[in-house]
Every structure is written in C-alpha cells, then in structure tokens.
Amino acid sequence: MTAPTAASTAGPTAERATEGRAGRTADPRAWRPTRRRIAESLFAALAPIAACGVALGGLTTWVGSGSAGSPARIAVADGRVFLPYGDVRDTAAFFRITNSGGADDRLLKVTSSAVAGDMTLSRHRMTSGNAASAQTVDSARVPADGGLAMSPYGLDVTLRAEPEWQTGTYVPFTLHFERGGRIDVQAMVVRPGEID
C-alpha cells in the first residue's frame, strides 16, 4: 500500500484553493497596477477637476466685473423729432439709449400722448443708386454694457407730426422696454440736418 500524499490528505478544499491561485495569476485580463494604467486613471480623474477649475475662474471674473446677474439698466437721452417740410406730416423721432446693466433688453414700442395715429419702429438701409428703403421692425435689441443710437440712417420711430410743432418745442414720448419697463422722455423738435 502506498502512503497518502499531502494533496490527497488535505482534501478537495485545498485542491480548489490551489487551482484558484493558479488561475488568477495565469489570467491575462486581470487588472494589475502598471504605470500606464495608473497614469490613465489619474488623467481621467483630473480632467473633470480641471474643467471645473476653468469654469470657476470664468465665473469669478464675471462676478468680479460687477455684471453677474445684474438686470438691464436703461437710460434714454438726446430725444429729437424732425420738423417736416411743407404739407408733409410724416416724420421721424430719434433717441440715444444706453444699457449699463448686465442683461440685454429690447425696445418694444414708442408711444406719445401728443401724437395722433400710430408710431412704428423702422430700420432704414441704403440701396444702390443712393436710394433708401425702410422696413418696419417689431423690436430692437439694446445690448448689455452697450446701447442703441437711433439715427436717420438706421433705426428710428416713424410718426405723423402735429401742425403746431415748431423748432425748439418739446414732445413727450414713452419708450417701452421688455425688461426695463416704461421710460418717459422729452424729444426736441429740430430741422433735419441738426442731428447726426
């Protein structure tokens, strides 16, 4: 009779444990910490952190400039209305609009208690042959930290002048903004050529 070996006396549990260790070391798909794998893992973890840092820096700069979350701050000045020639009553009004706030706004319409009939926002463009064309617009953008300078060569308010208007008189207007609400302003009646 032969003597029992160490493997046969240990039983089936020991054999399975030995096979498991051998299988783990022989499996080529097993994850082992190599320099390349550690570097890839660190890069994957640092990329979102770097992106957050860049975003945080941008937000800090924006907040530091004083514009973060500030609403539109609209001011209207230099109101002018052209005095029409002869029997023609159609004319235009112009205003200088500034927005010192951190958000864009829109000029929606202009009204006046001293003007009979409708008033419209119009944009004028020069075409070939020194001709001009006018197009009615629904609104006009007033950019943040910027403004809108109305002129005979761009945006104006088209209206019908009253017969009693004379050079130097003032006409009341109300400008309606999307965010800035209503702003009342006086526009002086001037002859064409007295405005830039």
N, C-alpha and C. Protein backbone atom coordinates (compact mmCIF):
# COMPACT_ATOMS: atom_id res chain seq x y z
N MET A 1 0.82 -1.17 0.00
CA MET A 1 0.00 0.00 0.00
C MET A 1 0.87 1.24 0.00
N THR A 2 0.41 2.24 -0.77
CA THR A 2 1.24 3.45 -0.88
C THR A 2 0.82 4.45 0.17
N ALA A 3 1.72 5.31 0.55
CA ALA A 3 1.44 6.34 1.57
C ALA A 3 0.67 7.47 0.91
N PRO A 4 -0.30 8.04 1.63
CA PRO A 4 -1.07 9.15 1.08
C PRO A 4 -0.19 10.38 0.89
N THR A 5 -0.44 11.09 -0.18
CA THR A 5 0.32 12.33 -0.46
C THR A 5 -0.31 13.48 0.31
N ALA A 6 0.39 14.60 0.33
CA ALA A 6 -0.10 15.79 1.07
C ALA A 6 -1.36 16.32 0.42
N ALA A 7 -1.46 16.25 -0.92
CA ALA A 7 -2.62 16.79 -1.61
C ALA A 7 -3.84 15.93 -1.32
N SER A 8 -3.64 14.60 -1.26
CA SER A 8 -4.80 13.74 -1.03
C SER A 8 -5.27 13.83 0.40
N THR A 9 -4.38 14.10 1.35
CA THR A 9 -4.81 14.22 2.74
C THR A 9 -5.46 15.56 3.03
N ALA A 10 -5.12 16.57 2.26
CA ALA A 10 -5.70 17.89 2.51
C ALA A 10 -7.15 17.93 2.06
N GLY A 11 -7.54 17.11 1.13
CA GLY A 11 -8.93 17.07 0.71
C GLY A 11 -9.20 17.99 -0.48
N PRO A 12 -10.48 17.98 -0.94
CA PRO A 12 -10.83 18.74 -2.13
C PRO A 12 -10.78 20.25 -1.93
N THR A 13 -10.94 20.74 -0.73
CA THR A 13 -10.93 22.20 -0.50
C THR A 13 -9.56 22.77 -0.81
N ALA A 14 -8.53 22.12 -0.39
CA ALA A 14 -7.17 22.59 -0.64
C ALA A 14 -6.86 22.56 -2.12
N GLU A 15 -7.36 21.53 -2.83
CA GLU A 15 -7.11 21.46 -4.27
C GLU A 15 -7.75 22.63 -5.00
N ARG A 16 -9.00 23.00 -4.62
CA ARG A 16 -9.67 24.13 -5.27
C ARG A 16 -8.95 25.45 -4.99
N ALA A 17 -8.46 25.64 -3.77
CA ALA A 17 -7.74 26.86 -3.43
C ALA A 17 -6.47 26.98 -4.25
N THR A 18 -5.78 25.87 -4.44
CA THR A 18 -4.56 25.89 -5.23
C THR A 18 -4.87 26.20 -6.68
N GLU A 19 -5.95 25.61 -7.22
CA GLU A 19 -6.34 25.88 -8.60
C GLU A 19 -6.74 27.35 -8.77
N GLY A 20 -7.45 27.95 -7.78
CA GLY A 20 -7.89 29.35 -7.87
C GLY A 20 -6.72 30.31 -7.95
N ARG A 21 -5.68 30.04 -7.12
CA ARG A 21 -4.49 30.91 -7.16
C ARG A 21 -3.78 30.78 -8.49
N ALA A 22 -3.70 29.61 -8.99
CA ALA A 22 -3.03 29.41 -10.27
C ALA A 22 -3.81 30.07 -11.39
N GLY A 23 -5.15 30.00 -11.31
CA GLY A 23 -5.98 30.60 -12.35
C GLY A 23 -5.89 32.12 -12.35
N ARG A 24 -5.79 32.72 -11.15
CA ARG A 24 -5.70 34.17 -11.07
C ARG A 24 -4.39 34.68 -11.64
N THR A 25 -3.35 34.06 -11.40
CA THR A 25 -2.06 34.53 -11.90
C THR A 25 -1.89 34.26 -13.37
N ALA A 26 -2.60 33.32 -13.89
CA ALA A 26 -2.47 32.99 -15.30
C ALA A 26 -3.43 33.80 -16.18
N ASP A 27 -4.46 34.44 -15.60
CA ASP A 27 -5.46 35.17 -16.40
C ASP A 27 -4.85 36.47 -16.91
N PRO A 28 -4.72 36.63 -18.25
CA PRO A 28 -4.09 37.85 -18.78
C PRO A 28 -4.99 39.07 -18.66
N ARG A 29 -6.30 38.88 -18.43
CA ARG A 29 -7.23 40.02 -18.32
C ARG A 29 -7.28 40.61 -16.91
N ALA A 30 -6.61 40.01 -15.99
CA ALA A 30 -6.64 40.51 -14.62
C ALA A 30 -6.01 41.89 -14.54
N TRP A 31 -6.63 42.80 -13.75
CA TRP A 31 -6.14 44.18 -13.64
C TRP A 31 -4.94 44.21 -12.72
N ARG A 32 -3.85 44.73 -13.24
CA ARG A 32 -2.65 44.89 -12.44
C ARG A 32 -2.23 46.35 -12.51
N PRO A 33 -1.84 46.93 -11.41
CA PRO A 33 -1.45 48.35 -11.42
C PRO A 33 -0.10 48.54 -12.10
N THR A 34 -0.15 49.00 -13.35
CA THR A 34 1.07 49.35 -14.06
C THR A 34 1.16 50.88 -14.12
N ARG A 35 2.31 51.38 -14.49
CA ARG A 35 2.47 52.83 -14.58
C ARG A 35 1.48 53.44 -15.58
N ARG A 36 1.30 52.79 -16.68
CA ARG A 36 0.38 53.31 -17.70
C ARG A 36 -1.04 53.35 -17.18
N ARG A 37 -1.50 52.31 -16.53
CA ARG A 37 -2.87 52.27 -16.02
C ARG A 37 -3.08 53.30 -14.92
N ILE A 38 -2.10 53.49 -14.08
CA ILE A 38 -2.22 54.49 -13.02
C ILE A 38 -2.26 55.90 -13.63
N ALA A 39 -1.43 56.14 -14.64
CA ALA A 39 -1.43 57.46 -15.30
C ALA A 39 -2.77 57.72 -15.98
N GLU A 40 -3.32 56.73 -16.66
CA GLU A 40 -4.62 56.90 -17.31
C GLU A 40 -5.72 57.17 -16.30
N SER A 41 -5.68 56.47 -15.17
CA SER A 41 -6.69 56.68 -14.13
C SER A 41 -6.59 58.08 -13.54
N LEU A 42 -5.37 58.55 -13.30
CA LEU A 42 -5.19 59.91 -12.76
C LEU A 42 -5.67 60.96 -13.76
N PHE A 43 -5.36 60.76 -15.05
CA PHE A 43 -5.81 61.71 -16.07
C PHE A 43 -7.33 61.75 -16.14
N ALA A 44 -7.96 60.60 -16.08
CA ALA A 44 -9.43 60.54 -16.13
C ALA A 44 -10.04 61.24 -14.92
N ALA A 45 -9.37 61.20 -13.79
CA ALA A 45 -9.89 61.87 -12.59
C ALA A 45 -9.60 63.38 -12.62
N LEU A 46 -8.46 63.78 -13.20
CA LEU A 46 -8.07 65.19 -13.18
C LEU A 46 -8.76 66.02 -14.26
N ALA A 47 -9.20 65.42 -15.36
CA ALA A 47 -9.84 66.18 -16.44
C ALA A 47 -11.10 66.90 -15.96
N PRO A 48 -12.03 66.25 -15.26
CA PRO A 48 -13.20 66.99 -14.77
C PRO A 48 -12.84 68.06 -13.73
N ILE A 49 -11.83 67.79 -12.93
CA ILE A 49 -11.42 68.76 -11.91
C ILE A 49 -10.85 70.01 -12.60
N ALA A 50 -10.05 69.80 -13.65
CA ALA A 50 -9.50 70.95 -14.39
C ALA A 50 -10.61 71.75 -15.07
N ALA A 51 -11.60 71.06 -15.66
CA ALA A 51 -12.72 71.76 -16.31
C ALA A 51 -13.50 72.58 -15.29
N CYS A 52 -13.72 72.04 -14.12
CA CYS A 52 -14.42 72.79 -13.07
C CYS A 52 -13.61 74.01 -12.64
N GLY A 53 -12.30 73.87 -12.57
CA GLY A 53 -11.44 74.99 -12.20
C GLY A 53 -11.51 76.12 -13.21
N VAL A 54 -11.52 75.77 -14.50
CA VAL A 54 -11.62 76.79 -15.55
C VAL A 54 -12.98 77.50 -15.47
N ALA A 55 -14.05 76.71 -15.29
CA ALA A 55 -15.39 77.31 -15.18
C ALA A 55 -15.49 78.22 -13.96
N LEU A 56 -14.92 77.79 -12.85
CA LEU A 56 -14.95 78.60 -11.63
C LEU A 56 -14.16 79.89 -11.82
N GLY A 57 -13.03 79.82 -12.52
CA GLY A 57 -12.25 81.03 -12.80
C GLY A 57 -13.03 82.02 -13.65
N GLY A 58 -13.73 81.51 -14.69
CA GLY A 58 -14.54 82.38 -15.53
C GLY A 58 -15.67 83.04 -14.77
N LEU A 59 -16.34 82.27 -13.92
CA LEU A 59 -17.42 82.83 -13.11
C LEU A 59 -16.90 83.87 -12.12
N THR A 60 -15.74 83.62 -11.55
CA THR A 60 -15.14 84.58 -10.61
C THR A 60 -14.84 85.89 -11.31
N THR A 61 -14.31 85.82 -12.53
CA THR A 61 -14.02 87.04 -13.31
C THR A 61 -15.30 87.79 -13.63
N TRP A 62 -16.34 87.05 -14.04
CA TRP A 62 -17.63 87.67 -14.39
C TRP A 62 -18.25 88.36 -13.18
N VAL A 63 -18.22 87.68 -12.02
CA VAL A 63 -18.77 88.27 -10.80
C VAL A 63 -17.93 89.48 -10.39
N GLY A 64 -16.61 89.38 -10.51
CA GLY A 64 -15.73 90.47 -10.13
C GLY A 64 -15.92 91.72 -10.98
N SER A 65 -16.36 91.53 -12.22
CA SER A 65 -16.57 92.69 -13.10
C SER A 65 -17.83 93.46 -12.73
N GLY A 66 -18.68 92.88 -11.89
CA GLY A 66 -19.90 93.57 -11.44
C GLY A 66 -21.11 93.35 -12.31
N SER A 67 -21.00 92.51 -13.33
CA SER A 67 -22.12 92.30 -14.24
C SER A 67 -22.94 91.06 -13.92
N ALA A 68 -22.47 90.25 -13.00
CA ALA A 68 -23.14 88.98 -12.74
C ALA A 68 -24.55 89.19 -12.21
N GLY A 69 -25.49 88.72 -12.97
CA GLY A 69 -26.86 88.74 -12.51
C GLY A 69 -27.50 90.10 -12.44
N SER A 70 -26.82 91.14 -12.90
CA SER A 70 -27.43 92.46 -12.80
C SER A 70 -28.45 92.63 -13.93
N PRO A 71 -29.58 93.23 -13.64
CA PRO A 71 -30.61 93.41 -14.68
C PRO A 71 -30.22 94.52 -15.66
N ALA A 72 -31.02 94.64 -16.69
CA ALA A 72 -30.80 95.74 -17.64
C ALA A 72 -31.07 97.06 -16.93
N ARG A 73 -30.19 98.04 -17.18
CA ARG A 73 -30.36 99.40 -16.62
C ARG A 73 -30.40 100.36 -17.80
N ILE A 74 -31.61 100.76 -18.15
CA ILE A 74 -31.82 101.55 -19.36
C ILE A 74 -31.90 103.03 -19.03
N ALA A 75 -31.25 103.84 -19.85
CA ALA A 75 -31.36 105.30 -19.79
C ALA A 75 -31.59 105.81 -21.21
N VAL A 76 -32.42 106.83 -21.33
CA VAL A 76 -32.75 107.40 -22.64
C VAL A 76 -32.41 108.89 -22.62
N ALA A 77 -31.72 109.36 -23.64
CA ALA A 77 -31.33 110.78 -23.72
C ALA A 77 -31.36 111.23 -25.17
N ASP A 78 -31.12 112.52 -25.37
CA ASP A 78 -30.99 113.12 -26.70
C ASP A 78 -32.17 112.82 -27.61
N GLY A 79 -33.38 112.98 -27.11
CA GLY A 79 -34.56 112.80 -27.94
C GLY A 79 -34.70 113.94 -28.94
N ARG A 80 -34.90 113.59 -30.21
CA ARG A 80 -35.06 114.57 -31.28
C ARG A 80 -36.20 114.13 -32.20
N VAL A 81 -36.95 115.09 -32.73
CA VAL A 81 -38.01 114.84 -33.71
C VAL A 81 -37.76 115.79 -34.87
N PHE A 82 -37.78 115.26 -36.08
CA PHE A 82 -37.62 116.13 -37.25
C PHE A 82 -38.88 116.94 -37.49
N LEU A 83 -38.69 118.23 -37.80
CA LEU A 83 -39.79 119.09 -38.23
C LEU A 83 -40.00 118.85 -39.72
N PRO A 84 -41.18 118.40 -40.15
CA PRO A 84 -41.37 118.11 -41.57
C PRO A 84 -41.47 119.39 -42.40
N TYR A 85 -41.21 119.25 -43.71
CA TYR A 85 -41.29 120.37 -44.65
C TYR A 85 -42.67 120.45 -45.29
N GLY A 86 -43.16 121.66 -45.52
CA GLY A 86 -44.39 121.88 -46.28
C GLY A 86 -45.60 121.20 -45.68
N ASP A 87 -46.39 120.60 -46.57
CA ASP A 87 -47.62 119.96 -46.14
C ASP A 87 -47.42 118.51 -45.70
N VAL A 88 -46.21 117.98 -45.86
CA VAL A 88 -45.92 116.60 -45.46
C VAL A 88 -45.89 116.52 -43.93
N ARG A 89 -46.62 115.59 -43.36
CA ARG A 89 -46.66 115.47 -41.90
C ARG A 89 -45.87 114.26 -41.40
N ASP A 90 -45.49 113.34 -42.28
CA ASP A 90 -44.73 112.17 -41.85
C ASP A 90 -43.31 112.59 -41.49
N THR A 91 -42.84 112.09 -40.36
CA THR A 91 -41.51 112.45 -39.87
C THR A 91 -40.95 111.32 -39.03
N ALA A 92 -39.87 111.59 -38.30
CA ALA A 92 -39.21 110.55 -37.50
C ALA A 92 -38.67 111.14 -36.21
N ALA A 93 -38.60 110.28 -35.20
CA ALA A 93 -38.01 110.65 -33.90
C ALA A 93 -36.83 109.72 -33.62
N PHE A 94 -35.87 110.24 -32.85
CA PHE A 94 -34.63 109.51 -32.57
C PHE A 94 -34.28 109.66 -31.09
N PHE A 95 -33.68 108.62 -30.53
CA PHE A 95 -33.28 108.65 -29.12
C PHE A 95 -31.94 107.93 -28.99
N ARG A 96 -31.17 108.32 -27.97
CA ARG A 96 -29.94 107.61 -27.63
C ARG A 96 -30.23 106.79 -26.38
N ILE A 97 -30.14 105.46 -26.52
CA ILE A 97 -30.50 104.53 -25.44
C ILE A 97 -29.24 103.83 -24.98
N THR A 98 -29.00 103.84 -23.67
CA THR A 98 -27.85 103.13 -23.10
C THR A 98 -28.34 102.08 -22.11
N ASN A 99 -27.56 101.00 -22.01
CA ASN A 99 -27.86 99.90 -21.08
C ASN A 99 -26.60 99.62 -20.28
N SER A 100 -26.55 100.08 -19.05
CA SER A 100 -25.37 99.87 -18.21
C SER A 100 -25.48 98.60 -17.38
N GLY A 101 -26.53 97.82 -17.57
CA GLY A 101 -26.73 96.59 -16.81
C GLY A 101 -26.02 95.40 -17.43
N GLY A 102 -26.20 94.26 -16.79
CA GLY A 102 -25.54 93.03 -17.24
C GLY A 102 -26.40 92.14 -18.10
N ALA A 103 -27.61 92.59 -18.47
CA ALA A 103 -28.50 91.78 -19.30
C ALA A 103 -29.00 92.60 -20.48
N ASP A 104 -29.17 91.93 -21.62
CA ASP A 104 -29.73 92.60 -22.80
C ASP A 104 -31.18 92.99 -22.53
N ASP A 105 -31.66 93.97 -23.29
CA ASP A 105 -33.07 94.38 -23.23
C ASP A 105 -33.53 94.62 -24.66
N ARG A 106 -34.82 94.84 -24.83
CA ARG A 106 -35.38 95.11 -26.15
C ARG A 106 -36.33 96.30 -26.08
N LEU A 107 -36.19 97.22 -27.03
CA LEU A 107 -37.15 98.30 -27.20
C LEU A 107 -38.32 97.71 -27.98
N LEU A 108 -39.51 97.70 -27.37
CA LEU A 108 -40.67 97.07 -27.98
C LEU A 108 -41.51 98.04 -28.79
N LYS A 109 -41.72 99.24 -28.26
CA LYS A 109 -42.51 100.24 -28.98
C LYS A 109 -42.30 101.60 -28.35
N VAL A 110 -42.78 102.64 -29.06
CA VAL A 110 -42.71 104.02 -28.59
C VAL A 110 -44.11 104.60 -28.75
N THR A 111 -44.58 105.27 -27.70
CA THR A 111 -45.90 105.91 -27.74
C THR A 111 -45.76 107.36 -27.32
N SER A 112 -46.81 108.14 -27.61
CA SER A 112 -46.82 109.55 -27.20
C SER A 112 -48.26 110.02 -27.09
N SER A 113 -48.55 110.75 -26.01
CA SER A 113 -49.88 111.34 -25.85
C SER A 113 -50.06 112.55 -26.74
N ALA A 114 -48.95 113.08 -27.30
CA ALA A 114 -49.02 114.28 -28.13
C ALA A 114 -49.03 113.97 -29.62
N VAL A 115 -49.09 112.68 -29.97
CA VAL A 115 -49.06 112.29 -31.37
C VAL A 115 -50.34 111.52 -31.70
N ALA A 116 -51.05 111.98 -32.74
CA ALA A 116 -52.24 111.27 -33.20
C ALA A 116 -51.80 110.19 -34.18
N GLY A 117 -52.42 109.04 -34.12
CA GLY A 117 -52.09 107.97 -35.05
C GLY A 117 -51.02 107.04 -34.51
N ASP A 118 -50.69 106.06 -35.34
CA ASP A 118 -49.73 105.03 -34.93
C ASP A 118 -48.29 105.49 -35.12
N MET A 119 -47.43 104.90 -34.32
CA MET A 119 -45.99 105.11 -34.47
C MET A 119 -45.37 103.73 -34.63
N THR A 120 -44.37 103.65 -35.48
CA THR A 120 -43.72 102.36 -35.71
C THR A 120 -42.20 102.51 -35.62
N LEU A 121 -41.56 101.40 -35.24
CA LEU A 121 -40.11 101.34 -35.29
C LEU A 121 -39.73 100.95 -36.72
N SER A 122 -38.83 101.71 -37.31
CA SER A 122 -38.42 101.45 -38.70
C SER A 122 -36.90 101.42 -38.79
N ARG A 123 -36.42 100.54 -39.65
CA ARG A 123 -34.98 100.47 -39.91
C ARG A 123 -34.73 100.86 -41.36
N HIS A 124 -33.83 101.82 -41.56
CA HIS A 124 -33.53 102.33 -42.90
C HIS A 124 -32.21 101.76 -43.39
N ARG A 125 -32.20 101.41 -44.65
CA ARG A 125 -30.99 100.89 -45.29
C ARG A 125 -30.79 101.60 -46.62
N MET A 126 -29.52 101.88 -46.92
CA MET A 126 -29.18 102.48 -48.21
C MET A 126 -29.07 101.36 -49.24
N THR A 127 -29.64 101.60 -50.41
CA THR A 127 -29.56 100.64 -51.50
C THR A 127 -28.71 101.23 -52.62
N SER A 128 -28.53 100.50 -53.68
CA SER A 128 -27.72 101.01 -54.79
C SER A 128 -28.38 102.25 -55.39
N GLY A 129 -27.58 103.14 -55.90
CA GLY A 129 -28.08 104.37 -56.51
C GLY A 129 -28.49 105.41 -55.48
N ASN A 130 -27.94 105.35 -54.26
CA ASN A 130 -28.21 106.30 -53.18
C ASN A 130 -29.69 106.38 -52.80
N ALA A 131 -30.41 105.31 -52.98
CA ALA A 131 -31.81 105.25 -52.54
C ALA A 131 -31.86 104.60 -51.17
N ALA A 132 -32.88 104.91 -50.41
CA ALA A 132 -33.04 104.34 -49.08
C ALA A 132 -34.34 103.54 -49.04
N SER A 133 -34.31 102.48 -48.25
CA SER A 133 -35.53 101.69 -48.05
C SER A 133 -35.77 101.58 -46.55
N ALA A 134 -37.04 101.58 -46.17
CA ALA A 134 -37.40 101.47 -44.76
C ALA A 134 -38.17 100.17 -44.55
N GLN A 135 -37.90 99.54 -43.42
CA GLN A 135 -38.58 98.30 -43.08
C GLN A 135 -39.06 98.41 -41.64
N THR A 136 -40.33 98.09 -41.40
CA THR A 136 -40.87 98.12 -40.05
C THR A 136 -40.31 96.93 -39.26
N VAL A 137 -39.91 97.18 -38.02
CA VAL A 137 -39.39 96.11 -37.16
C VAL A 137 -40.26 96.04 -35.90
N ASP A 138 -40.35 94.82 -35.34
CA ASP A 138 -41.17 94.61 -34.14
C ASP A 138 -40.49 95.12 -32.87
N SER A 139 -39.16 95.03 -32.83
CA SER A 139 -38.42 95.45 -31.64
C SER A 139 -36.97 95.67 -32.03
N ALA A 140 -36.21 96.23 -31.10
CA ALA A 140 -34.79 96.49 -31.34
C ALA A 140 -34.00 96.10 -30.10
N ARG A 141 -32.90 95.39 -30.30
CA ARG A 141 -32.06 94.92 -29.20
C ARG A 141 -31.24 96.07 -28.62
N VAL A 142 -31.18 96.10 -27.28
CA VAL A 142 -30.31 97.05 -26.57
C VAL A 142 -29.33 96.19 -25.77
N PRO A 143 -28.09 96.02 -26.26
CA PRO A 143 -27.17 95.08 -25.63
C PRO A 143 -26.69 95.53 -24.25
N ALA A 144 -26.36 94.53 -23.42
CA ALA A 144 -25.81 94.81 -22.09
C ALA A 144 -24.48 95.54 -22.24
N ASP A 145 -24.21 96.47 -21.33
CA ASP A 145 -22.99 97.28 -21.36
C ASP A 145 -22.80 97.94 -22.72
N GLY A 146 -23.89 98.34 -23.34
CA GLY A 146 -23.82 98.97 -24.65
C GLY A 146 -24.99 99.91 -24.83
N GLY A 147 -25.47 100.00 -26.02
CA GLY A 147 -26.59 100.89 -26.25
C GLY A 147 -27.10 100.81 -27.67
N LEU A 148 -27.98 101.73 -27.96
CA LEU A 148 -28.62 101.81 -29.27
C LEU A 148 -28.75 103.29 -29.61
N ALA A 149 -28.05 103.72 -30.65
CA ALA A 149 -28.12 105.11 -31.08
C ALA A 149 -29.01 105.16 -32.32
N MET A 150 -30.20 105.69 -32.17
CA MET A 150 -31.12 105.79 -33.30
C MET A 150 -30.68 106.95 -34.18
N SER A 151 -30.88 106.80 -35.50
CA SER A 151 -30.46 107.83 -36.44
C SER A 151 -31.27 107.72 -37.72
N PRO A 152 -31.20 108.74 -38.60
CA PRO A 152 -31.90 108.67 -39.88
C PRO A 152 -31.36 107.56 -40.79
N TYR A 153 -30.16 107.05 -40.49
CA TYR A 153 -29.52 106.04 -41.32
C TYR A 153 -29.65 104.64 -40.73
N GLY A 154 -30.39 104.51 -39.65
CA GLY A 154 -30.56 103.21 -39.02
C GLY A 154 -31.97 103.07 -38.48
N LEU A 155 -32.08 102.94 -37.19
CA LEU A 155 -33.38 102.75 -36.54
C LEU A 155 -33.97 104.10 -36.14
N ASP A 156 -35.27 104.28 -36.37
CA ASP A 156 -35.97 105.48 -35.91
C ASP A 156 -37.41 105.13 -35.59
N VAL A 157 -38.14 106.13 -35.12
CA VAL A 157 -39.57 105.98 -34.85
C VAL A 157 -40.30 106.81 -35.89
N THR A 158 -41.10 106.16 -36.72
CA THR A 158 -41.86 106.85 -37.76
C THR A 158 -43.20 107.28 -37.18
N LEU A 159 -43.56 108.56 -37.41
CA LEU A 159 -44.79 109.11 -36.83
C LEU A 159 -45.32 110.24 -37.70
N ARG A 160 -46.48 110.73 -37.34
CA ARG A 160 -47.09 111.86 -38.04
C ARG A 160 -47.02 113.08 -37.12
N ALA A 161 -46.36 114.12 -37.59
CA ALA A 161 -46.17 115.34 -36.78
C ALA A 161 -47.47 116.13 -36.67
N GLU A 162 -47.58 116.85 -35.59
CA GLU A 162 -48.73 117.73 -35.37
C GLU A 162 -48.44 119.10 -36.00
N PRO A 163 -49.47 119.77 -36.53
CA PRO A 163 -49.25 121.05 -37.23
C PRO A 163 -48.66 122.15 -36.35
N GLU A 164 -48.90 122.12 -35.06
CA GLU A 164 -48.42 123.20 -34.19
C GLU A 164 -46.97 123.05 -33.75
N TRP A 165 -46.30 121.97 -34.10
CA TRP A 165 -44.91 121.79 -33.70
C TRP A 165 -44.03 122.82 -34.39
N GLN A 166 -43.09 123.37 -33.62
CA GLN A 166 -42.12 124.32 -34.14
C GLN A 166 -40.74 123.94 -33.64
N THR A 167 -39.72 124.43 -34.31
CA THR A 167 -38.36 124.16 -33.87
C THR A 167 -38.15 124.62 -32.43
N GLY A 168 -37.58 123.75 -31.60
CA GLY A 168 -37.31 124.09 -30.20
C GLY A 168 -38.38 123.63 -29.22
N THR A 169 -39.57 123.26 -29.71
CA THR A 169 -40.59 122.76 -28.78
C THR A 169 -40.28 121.30 -28.42
N TYR A 170 -40.86 120.87 -27.31
CA TYR A 170 -40.62 119.50 -26.83
C TYR A 170 -41.88 118.66 -26.94
N VAL A 171 -41.68 117.39 -27.30
CA VAL A 171 -42.78 116.44 -27.45
C VAL A 171 -42.54 115.29 -26.47
N PRO A 172 -43.55 114.92 -25.66
CA PRO A 172 -43.36 113.82 -24.71
C PRO A 172 -43.50 112.45 -25.41
N PHE A 173 -42.61 111.53 -25.06
CA PHE A 173 -42.65 110.16 -25.57
C PHE A 173 -42.50 109.18 -24.42
N THR A 174 -43.00 107.97 -24.60
CA THR A 174 -42.78 106.88 -23.66
C THR A 174 -42.19 105.71 -24.44
N LEU A 175 -41.02 105.27 -24.02
CA LEU A 175 -40.37 104.13 -24.64
C LEU A 175 -40.65 102.90 -23.78
N HIS A 176 -41.09 101.83 -24.41
CA HIS A 176 -41.48 100.60 -23.70
C HIS A 176 -40.42 99.53 -23.96
N PHE A 177 -39.83 99.03 -22.86
CA PHE A 177 -38.78 98.02 -22.96
C PHE A 177 -39.27 96.70 -22.38
N GLU A 178 -38.70 95.61 -22.89
CA GLU A 178 -39.10 94.28 -22.45
C GLU A 178 -38.79 94.08 -20.97
N ARG A 179 -37.62 94.47 -20.52
CA ARG A 179 -37.23 94.28 -19.11
C ARG A 179 -37.20 95.59 -18.33
N GLY A 180 -36.85 96.67 -19.00
CA GLY A 180 -36.70 97.95 -18.33
C GLY A 180 -38.00 98.70 -18.09
N GLY A 181 -39.11 98.16 -18.60
CA GLY A 181 -40.40 98.82 -18.39
C GLY A 181 -40.56 100.06 -19.24
N ARG A 182 -41.29 101.04 -18.71
CA ARG A 182 -41.59 102.28 -19.44
C ARG A 182 -40.65 103.39 -18.99
N ILE A 183 -40.18 104.16 -19.95
CA ILE A 183 -39.34 105.32 -19.65
C ILE A 183 -39.91 106.51 -20.40
N ASP A 184 -40.25 107.56 -19.64
CA ASP A 184 -40.78 108.80 -20.23
C ASP A 184 -39.63 109.74 -20.54
N VAL A 185 -39.70 110.37 -21.70
CA VAL A 185 -38.63 111.26 -22.14
C VAL A 185 -39.23 112.36 -23.02
N GLN A 186 -38.55 113.50 -23.08
CA GLN A 186 -38.95 114.61 -23.95
C GLN A 186 -38.01 114.63 -25.16
N ALA A 187 -38.58 114.86 -26.33
CA ALA A 187 -37.78 114.98 -27.54
C ALA A 187 -37.96 116.39 -28.12
N MET A 188 -36.87 117.04 -28.47
CA MET A 188 -36.92 118.39 -29.01
C MET A 188 -37.15 118.35 -30.52
N VAL A 189 -38.00 119.23 -31.02
CA VAL A 189 -38.26 119.34 -32.45
C VAL A 189 -37.10 120.10 -33.09
N VAL A 190 -36.47 119.48 -34.11
CA VAL A 190 -35.32 120.08 -34.79
C VAL A 190 -35.53 119.96 -36.30
N ARG A 191 -34.79 120.75 -37.05
CA ARG A 191 -34.81 120.64 -38.50
C ARG A 191 -33.88 119.49 -38.93
N PRO A 192 -34.22 118.80 -40.01
CA PRO A 192 -33.29 117.76 -40.50
C PRO A 192 -31.93 118.38 -40.79
N GLY A 193 -30.90 117.68 -40.46
CA GLY A 193 -29.54 118.22 -40.61
C GLY A 193 -28.99 118.65 -39.27
N GLU A 194 -29.84 118.80 -38.24
CA GLU A 194 -29.38 119.19 -36.90
C GLU A 194 -29.18 117.97 -36.01
N ILE A 195 -29.16 116.80 -36.62
CA ILE A 195 -28.94 115.56 -35.87
C ILE A 195 -27.94 114.72 -36.63
N ASP A 196 -27.08 114.02 -35.89
CA ASP A 196 -26.06 113.16 -36.52
C ASP A 196 -26.68 111.88 -37.00
